[in-house]
Amino acid sequence: MADRGTRDLEDSGARLRALIVTGQTDIHHDWRTVTPMLAELLHSTGRFDVRVTEEFRGAGPETVEPYDVVVLNYFGRLEPWGHAPEARWGTRAEQALYDHVASGKGAVVYHASLQLGSGWDDDFEKMAGGVLREHCSRRAPINDFRVAVAAPDHPVTAGMPASFPHYDDDLYVNLAWHSGADVEVLLAGWDNPLRYTQVPSQWDALPGMGQEHPLAWTTRFGQGRVFATGLGHGPEAVSHPSFRGLFARGVEWAASGAVTIPLPADFGEPVPGGDWWPTELEPRVRAMYEGRKVAVS
């Protein structure tokens, strides 16, 4: 499915046209394995015609014009917090993306791509809404956690349970939020202090401990729609029904402004044999934490 450029689109009828931009991420993310999984996930819904490009340098308005949504699975630095120059696509390609979205199309900022744009001095951070930045952000030491629905009436999250367990994934903390972005948080996760330390007096040692943090959100950029998610670290996370339902619906909303894809029948169900943190222990620990805060306040 992947190629070094983009292929001509065949007649796709009523299907939405999606372009996945990839070709590099940092050492913690396996774009070669995950990108085909994302493409197949979208294709399997019957709603999308999907193309993949591993080389977006040299792109321009003519590259993105045929597509309803551009999905970013890219980051141009091998070491995420290193100081090597980030491999960018070039001003023409980047501006073509921003202009395409602002004209009324869609973009998806997926997982590792939240690291893009540091020091770019352009519209990426406003388009993404929230981004990972070295001076403030971190990955919580949590692989399995509970996800809370923050916007139950949004088309992407409509019908989801109020909270559900999720597994084998990243919970990003303290993202940097663009002051001019029109952000609506869809899902949030709790930065569980007990995952850092069992000493209650240290449960506020780092900013954001014991607080909820956005995991997925939308922004409006010009006339266009952007869906962003910090979920989806690797093959295991992408395989879970909770991610599959979220991602497909988020991409559809970004592409069209509406959602017709149903949630998987097992969306939000505990994984057989999965860790009991998100189903049993996290609610108990959170009650303990909040009770302690009340007691010492």
C-alpha atoms as a PDB file:
ATOM      1  CA  MET A   1       0.000   0.000   0.000  1.00  0.00           C
ATOM      2  CA  ALA A   2       2.850   2.407   0.762  1.00  0.00           C
ATOM      3  CA  ASP A   3       4.831   4.037  -1.989  1.00  0.00           C
ATOM      4  CA  ARG A   4       7.388   6.775  -2.416  1.00  0.00           C
ATOM      5  CA  GLY A   5       4.854   9.243  -3.614  1.00  0.00           C
ATOM      6  CA  THR A   6       1.104   9.116  -3.976  1.00  0.00           C
ATOM      7  CA  ARG A   7      -0.848   7.121  -6.489  1.00  0.00           C
ATOM      8  CA  ASP A   8      -3.748   8.347  -8.557  1.00  0.00           C
ATOM      9  CA  LEU A   9      -7.044   7.794  -6.830  1.00  0.00           C
ATOM     10  CA  GLU A  10      -9.457   5.372  -8.402  1.00  0.00           C
ATOM     11  CA  ASP A  11     -13.160   6.050  -8.431  1.00  0.00           C
ATOM     12  CA  SER A  12     -14.055   5.675  -4.760  1.00  0.00           C
ATOM     13  CA  GLY A  13     -17.764   6.487  -4.941  1.00  0.00           C
ATOM     14  CA  ALA A  14     -18.974   7.881  -1.639  1.00  0.00           C
ATOM     15  CA  ARG A  15     -15.848   6.895   0.227  1.00  0.00           C
ATOM     16  CA  LEU A  16     -13.786   9.553   1.945  1.00  0.00           C
ATOM     17  CA  ARG A  17     -10.271   9.983   0.632  1.00  0.00           C
ATOM     18  CA  ALA A  18      -7.495   9.764   3.226  1.00  0.00           C
ATOM     19  CA  LEU A  19      -3.765  10.335   2.806  1.00  0.00           C
ATOM     20  CA  ILE A  20      -1.436   9.016   5.529  1.00  0.00           C
ATOM     21  CA  VAL A  21       1.857  10.922   5.687  1.00  0.00           C
ATOM     22  CA  THR A  22       4.661   8.916   7.279  1.00  0.00           C
ATOM     23  CA  GLY A  23       8.232   7.774   6.550  1.00  0.00           C
ATOM     24  CA  GLN A  24       9.931   8.546   9.875  1.00  0.00           C
ATOM     25  CA  THR A  25       9.255   8.779  13.577  1.00  0.00           C
ATOM     26  CA  ASP A  26      11.422   8.710  16.684  1.00  0.00           C
ATOM     27  CA  ILE A  27      13.035   5.546  18.048  1.00  0.00           C
ATOM     28  CA  HIS A  28      10.106   4.851  20.370  1.00  0.00           C
ATOM     29  CA  HIS A  29       7.524   4.472  17.592  1.00  0.00           C
ATOM     30  CA  ASP A  30       7.414   1.817  14.862  1.00  0.00           C
ATOM     31  CA  TRP A  31       5.894   3.631  11.917  1.00  0.00           C
ATOM     32  CA  ARG A  32       6.664   0.773   9.516  1.00  0.00           C
ATOM     33  CA  THR A  33       4.417  -1.609  11.457  1.00  0.00           C
ATOM     34  CA  VAL A  34       1.751   0.806  12.638  1.00  0.00           C
ATOM     35  CA  THR A  35       1.080   2.694   9.405  1.00  0.00           C
ATOM     36  CA  PRO A  36      -0.281  -0.346   7.514  1.00  0.00           C
ATOM     37  CA  MET A  37      -2.393  -1.133  10.576  1.00  0.00           C
ATOM     38  CA  LEU A  38      -3.907   2.357  10.521  1.00  0.00           C
ATOM     39  CA  ALA A  39      -4.546   2.125   6.787  1.00  0.00           C
ATOM     40  CA  GLU A  40      -6.229  -1.267   7.139  1.00  0.00           C
ATOM     41  CA  LEU A  41      -8.268  -0.046  10.107  1.00  0.00           C
ATOM     42  CA  LEU A  42      -9.695   2.778   7.997  1.00  0.00           C
ATOM     43  CA  HIS A  43     -10.146   0.592   4.933  1.00  0.00           C
ATOM     44  CA  SER A  44     -11.989  -2.072   6.917  1.00  0.00           C
ATOM     45  CA  THR A  45     -14.765   0.368   7.812  1.00  0.00           C
ATOM     46  CA  GLY A  46     -15.751   0.616   4.156  1.00  0.00           C
ATOM     47  CA  ARG A  47     -15.815   4.381   4.561  1.00  0.00           C
ATOM     48  CA  PHE A  48     -12.350   5.305   3.281  1.00  0.00           C
ATOM     49  CA  ASP A  49     -10.158   5.123   0.234  1.00  0.00           C
ATOM     50  CA  VAL A  50      -6.648   5.242   1.743  1.00  0.00           C
ATOM     51  CA  ARG A  51      -3.274   6.115   0.276  1.00  0.00           C
ATOM     52  CA  VAL A  52       0.087   6.295   2.041  1.00  0.00           C
ATOM     53  CA  THR A  53       3.113   8.421   1.248  1.00  0.00           C
ATOM     54  CA  GLU A  54       6.512   7.947   2.858  1.00  0.00           C
ATOM     55  CA  GLU A  55       7.912  11.078   1.224  1.00  0.00           C
ATOM     56  CA  PHE A  56       6.076  14.358   1.718  1.00  0.00           C
ATOM     57  CA  ARG A  57       9.024  16.579   0.842  1.00  0.00           C
ATOM     58  CA  GLY A  58       8.294  18.261  -2.446  1.00  0.00           C
ATOM     59  CA  ALA A  59       4.546  18.082  -1.884  1.00  0.00           C
ATOM     60  CA  GLY A  60       2.334  21.018  -2.710  1.00  0.00           C
ATOM     61  CA  PRO A  61      -1.334  21.966  -3.068  1.00  0.00           C
ATOM     62  CA  GLU A  62      -1.697  19.523  -5.949  1.00  0.00           C
ATOM     63  CA  THR A  63      -0.590  16.665  -3.668  1.00  0.00           C
ATOM     64  CA  VAL A  64      -3.238  17.138  -0.991  1.00  0.00           C
ATOM     65  CA  GLU A  65      -6.043  18.522  -3.150  1.00  0.00           C
ATOM     66  CA  PRO A  66      -7.695  15.111  -3.864  1.00  0.00           C
ATOM     67  CA  TYR A  67      -7.987  14.202  -0.175  1.00  0.00           C
ATOM     68  CA  ASP A  68     -10.648  14.847   2.421  1.00  0.00           C
ATOM     69  CA  VAL A  69      -8.254  14.223   5.311  1.00  0.00           C
ATOM     70  CA  VAL A  70      -4.502  14.038   5.857  1.00  0.00           C
ATOM     71  CA  VAL A  71      -3.346  11.741   8.682  1.00  0.00           C
ATOM     72  CA  LEU A  72       0.074  12.536  10.150  1.00  0.00           C
ATOM     73  CA  ASN A  73       2.162   9.640  11.482  1.00  0.00           C
ATOM     74  CA  TYR A  74       5.503  11.410  11.260  1.00  0.00           C
ATOM     75  CA  PHE A  75       8.197  12.986  13.376  1.00  0.00           C
ATOM     76  CA  GLY A  76      11.478  14.098  11.891  1.00  0.00           C
ATOM     77  CA  ARG A  77      13.918  13.383  14.698  1.00  0.00           C
ATOM     78  CA  LEU A  78      15.170   9.961  15.810  1.00  0.00           C
ATOM     79  CA  GLU A  79      15.734  10.997  19.433  1.00  0.00           C
ATOM     80  CA  PRO A  80      12.641  12.898  20.539  1.00  0.00           C
ATOM     81  CA  TRP A  81      14.360  15.126  23.103  1.00  0.00           C
ATOM     82  CA  GLY A  82      17.598  15.387  21.151  1.00  0.00           C
ATOM     83  CA  HIS A  83      18.905  18.538  19.568  1.00  0.00           C
ATOM     84  CA  ALA A  84      19.523  17.362  16.021  1.00  0.00           C
ATOM     85  CA  PRO A  85      17.613  19.425  13.464  1.00  0.00           C
ATOM     86  CA  GLU A  86      14.143  18.069  12.796  1.00  0.00           C
ATOM     87  CA  ALA A  87      13.735  16.713   9.269  1.00  0.00           C
ATOM     88  CA  ARG A  88      10.968  18.898   7.877  1.00  0.00           C
ATOM     89  CA  TRP A  89       8.946  18.666   4.671  1.00  0.00           C
ATOM     90  CA  GLY A  90       9.770  22.147   3.451  1.00  0.00           C
ATOM     91  CA  THR A  91       7.836  25.396   3.460  1.00  0.00           C
ATOM     92  CA  ARG A  92       5.791  24.631   0.346  1.00  0.00           C
ATOM     93  CA  ALA A  93       4.622  21.236   1.585  1.00  0.00           C
ATOM     94  CA  GLU A  94       3.883  22.449   5.105  1.00  0.00           C
ATOM     95  CA  GLN A  95       1.955  25.496   3.911  1.00  0.00           C
ATOM     96  CA  ALA A  96       0.007  23.326   1.476  1.00  0.00           C
ATOM     97  CA  LEU A  97      -1.116  21.177   4.414  1.00  0.00           C
ATOM     98  CA  TYR A  98      -2.208  24.184   6.499  1.00  0.00           C
ATOM     99  CA  ASP A  99      -4.010  25.812   3.571  1.00  0.00           C
ATOM    100  CA  HIS A 100      -5.745  22.547   2.673  1.00  0.00           C
ATOM    101  CA  VAL A 101      -7.120  22.093   6.165  1.00  0.00           C
ATOM    102  CA  ALA A 102      -8.060  25.752   6.565  1.00  0.00           C
ATOM    103  CA  SER A 103     -10.031  25.573   3.319  1.00  0.00           C
ATOM    104  CA  GLY A 104     -12.464  23.119   4.909  1.00  0.00           C
ATOM    105  CA  LYS A 105     -10.697  19.770   4.811  1.00  0.00           C
ATOM    106  CA  GLY A 106      -9.448  17.620   7.689  1.00  0.00           C
ATOM    107  CA  ALA A 107      -6.229  16.631   9.438  1.00  0.00           C
ATOM    108  CA  VAL A 108      -5.398  14.015  12.044  1.00  0.00           C
ATOM    109  CA  VAL A 109      -2.417  14.528  14.352  1.00  0.00           C
ATOM    110  CA  TYR A 110      -1.655  11.010  15.497  1.00  0.00           C
ATOM    111  CA  HIS A 111       0.443  10.098  18.545  1.00  0.00           C
ATOM    112  CA  ALA A 112       4.135  10.623  17.661  1.00  0.00           C
ATOM    113  CA  SER A 113       3.197  13.579  15.458  1.00  0.00           C
ATOM    114  CA  LEU A 114       2.310  15.532  18.586  1.00  0.00           C
ATOM    115  CA  GLN A 115       6.051  16.147  18.826  1.00  0.00           C
ATOM    116  CA  LEU A 116       6.125  18.030  15.517  1.00  0.00           C
ATOM    117  CA  GLY A 117       6.532  21.747  15.156  1.00  0.00           C
ATOM    118  CA  SER A 118       8.847  22.828  17.970  1.00  0.00           C
ATOM    119  CA  GLY A 119      10.357  26.137  16.930  1.00  0.00           C
ATOM    120  CA  TRP A 120       8.759  26.036  13.485  1.00  0.00           C
ATOM    121  CA  ASP A 121       7.259  29.507  13.873  1.00  0.00           C
ATOM    122  CA  ASP A 122       4.283  28.626  11.700  1.00  0.00           C
ATOM    123  CA  ASP A 123       0.744  27.279  12.096  1.00  0.00           C
ATOM    124  CA  PHE A 124       1.403  23.699  13.186  1.00  0.00           C
ATOM    125  CA  GLU A 125       0.918  24.222  16.913  1.00  0.00           C
ATOM    126  CA  LYS A 126      -2.308  26.156  16.382  1.00  0.00           C
ATOM    127  CA  MET A 127      -3.596  23.482  14.013  1.00  0.00           C
ATOM    128  CA  ALA A 128      -2.744  20.650  16.424  1.00  0.00           C
ATOM    129  CA  GLY A 129      -4.061  22.481  19.488  1.00  0.00           C
ATOM    130  CA  GLY A 130      -1.880  20.575  21.949  1.00  0.00           C
ATOM    131  CA  VAL A 131       1.689  19.343  21.479  1.00  0.00           C
ATOM    132  CA  LEU A 132       4.404  17.509  23.375  1.00  0.00           C
ATOM    133  CA  ARG A 133       7.224  19.800  24.432  1.00  0.00           C
ATOM    134  CA  GLU A 134      10.451  18.985  26.248  1.00  0.00           C
ATOM    135  CA  HIS A 135      10.178  21.760  28.819  1.00  0.00           C
ATOM    136  CA  CYS A 136       6.845  20.587  30.242  1.00  0.00           C
ATOM    137  CA  SER A 137       5.551  17.296  28.863  1.00  0.00           C
ATOM    138  CA  ARG A 138       6.203  13.696  29.861  1.00  0.00           C
ATOM    139  CA  ARG A 139       4.912  10.185  29.461  1.00  0.00           C
ATOM    140  CA  ALA A 140       3.325   8.926  32.667  1.00  0.00           C
ATOM    141  CA  PRO A 141       4.770   5.576  33.858  1.00  0.00           C
ATOM    142  CA  ILE A 142       1.465   3.903  33.075  1.00  0.00           C
ATOM    143  CA  ASN A 143       0.688   1.363  30.337  1.00  0.00           C
ATOM    144  CA  ASP A 144      -2.866   0.430  31.319  1.00  0.00           C
ATOM    145  CA  PHE A 145      -5.288   3.092  32.508  1.00  0.00           C
ATOM    146  CA  ARG A 146      -8.878   4.248  32.600  1.00  0.00           C
ATOM    147  CA  VAL A 147     -10.151   6.634  29.939  1.00  0.00           C
ATOM    148  CA  ALA A 148     -12.882   9.160  30.789  1.00  0.00           C
ATOM    149  CA  VAL A 149     -15.179  10.636  28.151  1.00  0.00           C
ATOM    150  CA  ALA A 150     -15.066  14.422  28.491  1.00  0.00           C
ATOM    151  CA  ALA A 151     -17.445  15.296  25.631  1.00  0.00           C
ATOM    152  CA  PRO A 152     -20.213  12.666  25.501  1.00  0.00           C
ATOM    153  CA  ASP A 153     -22.266  14.650  22.990  1.00  0.00           C
ATOM    154  CA  HIS A 154     -19.522  15.015  20.377  1.00  0.00           C
ATOM    155  CA  PRO A 155     -20.095  12.874  17.262  1.00  0.00           C
ATOM    156  CA  VAL A 156     -16.792  11.038  17.800  1.00  0.00           C
ATOM    157  CA  THR A 157     -17.566  10.011  21.378  1.00  0.00           C
ATOM    158  CA  ALA A 158     -21.350   9.681  21.210  1.00  0.00           C
ATOM    159  CA  GLY A 159     -22.405   6.302  22.547  1.00  0.00           C
ATOM    160  CA  MET A 160     -19.167   5.609  24.378  1.00  0.00           C
ATOM    161  CA  PRO A 161     -19.405   4.551  28.038  1.00  0.00           C
ATOM    162  CA  ALA A 162     -18.602   7.288  30.530  1.00  0.00           C
ATOM    163  CA  SER A 163     -15.251   5.600  31.203  1.00  0.00           C
ATOM    164  CA  PHE A 164     -13.518   2.464  30.010  1.00  0.00           C
ATOM    165  CA  PRO A 165     -10.237   0.588  30.445  1.00  0.00           C
ATOM    166  CA  HIS A 166      -7.447   0.920  27.903  1.00  0.00           C
ATOM    167  CA  TYR A 167      -4.227  -1.072  27.614  1.00  0.00           C
ATOM    168  CA  ASP A 168      -0.644  -1.090  26.277  1.00  0.00           C
ATOM    169  CA  ASP A 169      -0.546   2.610  25.524  1.00  0.00           C
ATOM    170  CA  ASP A 170       0.903   6.002  26.450  1.00  0.00           C
ATOM    171  CA  LEU A 171      -0.660   8.579  28.729  1.00  0.00           C
ATOM    172  CA  TYR A 172       0.934  11.916  27.882  1.00  0.00           C
ATOM    173  CA  VAL A 173       0.972  14.549  30.612  1.00  0.00           C
ATOM    174  CA  ASN A 174       1.261  18.348  30.551  1.00  0.00           C
ATOM    175  CA  LEU A 175       0.980  19.030  26.859  1.00  0.00           C
ATOM    176  CA  ALA A 176       1.563  22.581  25.680  1.00  0.00           C
ATOM    177  CA  TRP A 177      -1.688  24.147  24.464  1.00  0.00           C
ATOM    178  CA  HIS A 178      -1.814  26.898  21.876  1.00  0.00           C
ATOM    179  CA  SER A 179      -3.637  29.908  23.275  1.00  0.00           C
ATOM    180  CA  GLY A 180      -5.357  30.613  19.973  1.00  0.00           C
ATOM    181  CA  ALA A 181      -6.564  27.071  19.277  1.00  0.00           C
ATOM    182  CA  ASP A 182     -10.240  26.156  19.485  1.00  0.00           C
ATOM    183  CA  VAL A 183      -9.818  22.901  21.441  1.00  0.00           C
ATOM    184  CA  GLU A 184     -12.551  20.533  22.564  1.00  0.00           C
ATOM    185  CA  VAL A 185     -11.267  17.692  24.753  1.00  0.00           C
ATOM    186  CA  LEU A 186     -12.925  14.364  23.945  1.00  0.00           C
ATOM    187  CA  LEU A 187     -11.127  11.925  26.258  1.00  0.00           C
ATOM    188  CA  ALA A 188      -8.992  12.310  29.367  1.00  0.00           C
ATOM    189  CA  GLY A 189      -6.811  10.075  31.516  1.00  0.00           C
ATOM    190  CA  TRP A 190      -5.693  10.331  35.124  1.00  0.00           C
ATOM    191  CA  ASP A 191      -1.984  10.631  35.959  1.00  0.00           C
ATOM    192  CA  ASN A 192      -1.961   8.004  38.704  1.00  0.00           C
ATOM    193  CA  PRO A 193       0.494   9.041  41.478  1.00  0.00           C
ATOM    194  CA  LEU A 194       0.842   5.484  42.779  1.00  0.00           C
ATOM    195  CA  ARG A 195       2.508   4.547  39.501  1.00  0.00           C
ATOM    196  CA  TYR A 196       5.365   6.882  40.450  1.00  0.00           C
ATOM    197  CA  THR A 197       5.696   6.202  44.161  1.00  0.00           C
ATOM    198  CA  GLN A 198       3.903   4.481  47.028  1.00  0.00           C
ATOM    199  CA  VAL A 199       4.793   7.322  49.411  1.00  0.00           C
ATOM    200  CA  PRO A 200       1.683   9.542  49.747  1.00  0.00           C
ATOM    201  CA  SER A 201       3.724  12.606  50.701  1.00  0.00           C
ATOM    202  CA  GLN A 202       5.356  12.434  47.254  1.00  0.00           C
ATOM    203  CA  TRP A 203       2.125  12.195  45.291  1.00  0.00           C
ATOM    204  CA  ASP A 204       2.388  15.840  44.228  1.00  0.00           C
ATOM    205  CA  ALA A 205       6.106  15.747  43.445  1.00  0.00           C
ATOM    206  CA  LEU A 206       5.701  16.471  39.720  1.00  0.00           C
ATOM    207  CA  PRO A 207       3.355  18.909  37.977  1.00  0.00           C
ATOM    208  CA  GLY A 208       0.243  17.137  36.791  1.00  0.00           C
ATOM    209  CA  MET A 209       0.376  14.158  39.147  1.00  0.00           C
ATOM    210  CA  GLY A 210      -3.109  13.268  40.342  1.00  0.00           C
ATOM    211  CA  GLN A 211      -4.742  15.295  37.575  1.00  0.00           C
ATOM    212  CA  GLU A 212      -6.652  14.419  34.423  1.00  0.00           C
ATOM    213  CA  HIS A 213      -4.974  15.102  31.086  1.00  0.00           C
ATOM    214  CA  PRO A 214      -6.440  15.227  27.570  1.00  0.00           C
ATOM    215  CA  LEU A 215      -5.909  12.064  25.528  1.00  0.00           C
ATOM    216  CA  ALA A 216      -7.901  13.014  22.424  1.00  0.00           C
ATOM    217  CA  TRP A 217      -9.355  16.308  21.246  1.00  0.00           C
ATOM    218  CA  THR A 218     -10.536  18.280  18.259  1.00  0.00           C
ATOM    219  CA  THR A 219      -9.710  21.721  16.972  1.00  0.00           C
ATOM    220  CA  ARG A 220     -11.110  23.978  14.315  1.00  0.00           C
ATOM    221  CA  PHE A 221      -8.504  25.396  11.975  1.00  0.00           C
ATOM    222  CA  GLY A 222      -9.887  27.953   9.582  1.00  0.00           C
ATOM    223  CA  GLN A 223     -12.862  26.212   7.978  1.00  0.00           C
ATOM    224  CA  GLY A 224     -11.346  22.784   8.600  1.00  0.00           C
ATOM    225  CA  ARG A 225     -11.443  20.128  11.305  1.00  0.00           C
ATOM    226  CA  VAL A 226      -8.577  18.523  13.195  1.00  0.00           C
ATOM    227  CA  PHE A 227      -8.696  15.373  15.308  1.00  0.00           C
ATOM    228  CA  ALA A 228      -5.679  14.729  17.546  1.00  0.00           C
ATOM    229  CA  THR A 229      -4.891  11.752  19.742  1.00  0.00           C
ATOM    230  CA  GLY A 230      -2.089  10.843  22.091  1.00  0.00           C
ATOM    231  CA  LEU A 231      -3.376   7.264  22.136  1.00  0.00           C
ATOM    232  CA  GLY A 232      -2.092   4.605  19.725  1.00  0.00           C
ATOM    233  CA  HIS A 233       1.516   3.980  20.748  1.00  0.00           C
ATOM    234  CA  GLY A 234       2.157   0.705  18.966  1.00  0.00           C
ATOM    235  CA  PRO A 235       0.634  -2.452  17.467  1.00  0.00           C
ATOM    236  CA  GLU A 236      -0.836  -3.663  20.754  1.00  0.00           C
ATOM    237  CA  ALA A 237      -2.608  -0.368  21.485  1.00  0.00           C
ATOM    238  CA  VAL A 238      -3.808   0.028  17.898  1.00  0.00           C
ATOM    239  CA  SER A 239      -5.306  -3.474  18.038  1.00  0.00           C
ATOM    240  CA  HIS A 240      -7.548  -2.733  21.010  1.00  0.00           C
ATOM    241  CA  PRO A 241     -11.239  -2.076  20.198  1.00  0.00           C
ATOM    242  CA  SER A 242     -11.188   1.140  22.248  1.00  0.00           C
ATOM    243  CA  PHE A 243      -8.532   2.639  19.994  1.00  0.00           C
ATOM    244  CA  ARG A 244      -9.974   1.253  16.776  1.00  0.00           C
ATOM    245  CA  GLY A 245     -13.376   2.762  17.441  1.00  0.00           C
ATOM    246  CA  LEU A 246     -11.925   6.106  18.506  1.00  0.00           C
ATOM    247  CA  PHE A 247      -9.510   6.444  15.606  1.00  0.00           C
ATOM    248  CA  ALA A 248     -11.873   5.476  12.804  1.00  0.00           C
ATOM    249  CA  ARG A 249     -14.574   7.824  14.057  1.00  0.00           C
ATOM    250  CA  GLY A 250     -12.092  10.638  14.689  1.00  0.00           C
ATOM    251  CA  VAL A 251     -10.726  10.404  11.155  1.00  0.00           C
ATOM    252  CA  GLU A 252     -14.236  10.297   9.708  1.00  0.00           C
ATOM    253  CA  TRP A 253     -15.216  13.413  11.649  1.00  0.00           C
ATOM    254  CA  ALA A 254     -12.080  15.263  10.517  1.00  0.00           C
ATOM    255  CA  ALA A 255     -12.781  14.284   6.918  1.00  0.00           C
ATOM    256  CA  SER A 256     -16.496  15.044   6.810  1.00  0.00           C
ATOM    257  CA  GLY A 257     -17.720  16.743   9.983  1.00  0.00           C
ATOM    258  CA  ALA A 258     -20.019  13.804  10.707  1.00  0.00           C
ATOM    259  CA  VAL A 259     -19.698  10.281  12.091  1.00  0.00           C
ATOM    260  CA  THR A 260     -21.468   7.234  10.656  1.00  0.00           C
ATOM    261  CA  ILE A 261     -19.042   4.482  11.703  1.00  0.00           C
ATOM    262  CA  PRO A 262     -20.465   2.478  14.626  1.00  0.00           C
ATOM    263  CA  LEU A 263     -18.449   1.651  17.713  1.00  0.00           C
ATOM    264  CA  PRO A 264     -17.095  -1.902  17.820  1.00  0.00           C
ATOM    265  CA  ALA A 265     -19.381  -4.261  19.710  1.00  0.00           C
ATOM    266  CA  ASP A 266     -16.653  -4.848  22.314  1.00  0.00           C
ATOM    267  CA  PHE A 267     -15.677  -1.188  22.631  1.00  0.00           C
ATOM    268  CA  GLY A 268     -14.674  -0.375  26.221  1.00  0.00           C
ATOM    269  CA  GLU A 269     -14.706  -3.967  27.393  1.00  0.00           C
ATOM    270  CA  PRO A 270     -11.814  -5.215  29.575  1.00  0.00           C
ATOM    271  CA  VAL A 271      -9.238  -7.180  27.632  1.00  0.00           C
ATOM    272  CA  PRO A 272      -9.280 -10.872  28.618  1.00  0.00           C
ATOM    273  CA  GLY A 273      -6.297 -11.392  30.886  1.00  0.00           C
ATOM    274  CA  GLY A 274      -5.586  -7.655  30.916  1.00  0.00           C
ATOM    275  CA  ASP A 275      -4.078  -5.830  33.859  1.00  0.00           C
ATOM    276  CA  TRP A 276      -6.528  -5.020  36.656  1.00  0.00           C
ATOM    277  CA  TRP A 277      -5.223  -1.500  37.195  1.00  0.00           C
ATOM    278  CA  PRO A 278      -7.721   0.264  34.917  1.00  0.00           C
ATOM    279  CA  THR A 279     -10.701  -1.828  35.950  1.00  0.00           C
ATOM    280  CA  GLU A 280     -10.236  -2.150  39.725  1.00  0.00           C
ATOM    281  CA  LEU A 281      -7.147  -0.562  41.240  1.00  0.00           C
ATOM    282  CA  GLU A 282      -7.169   2.852  39.581  1.00  0.00           C
ATOM    283  CA  PRO A 283     -10.649   3.788  40.906  1.00  0.00           C
ATOM    284  CA  ARG A 284      -9.566   2.735  44.417  1.00  0.00           C
ATOM    285  CA  VAL A 285      -6.288   4.647  44.268  1.00  0.00           C
ATOM    286  CA  ARG A 286      -8.030   7.727  42.942  1.00  0.00           C
ATOM    287  CA  ALA A 287     -10.534   7.647  45.813  1.00  0.00           C
ATOM    288  CA  MET A 288      -7.612   7.342  48.266  1.00  0.00           C
ATOM    289  CA  TYR A 289      -5.750  10.206  46.629  1.00  0.00           C
ATOM    290  CA  GLU A 290      -8.722  12.546  46.554  1.00  0.00           C
ATOM    291  CA  GLY A 291      -9.630  11.646  50.133  1.00  0.00           C
ATOM    292  CA  ARG A 292      -6.095  12.474  51.239  1.00  0.00           C
ATOM    293  CA  LYS A 293      -6.209  15.838  49.469  1.00  0.00           C
ATOM    294  CA  VAL A 294      -9.433  16.707  51.255  1.00  0.00           C
ATOM    295  CA  ALA A 295      -7.971  15.625  54.590  1.00  0.00           C
ATOM    296  CA  VAL A 296      -4.856  17.808  54.298  1.00  0.00           C
ATOM    297  CA  SER A 297      -6.596  20.839  52.794  1.00  0.00           C
END
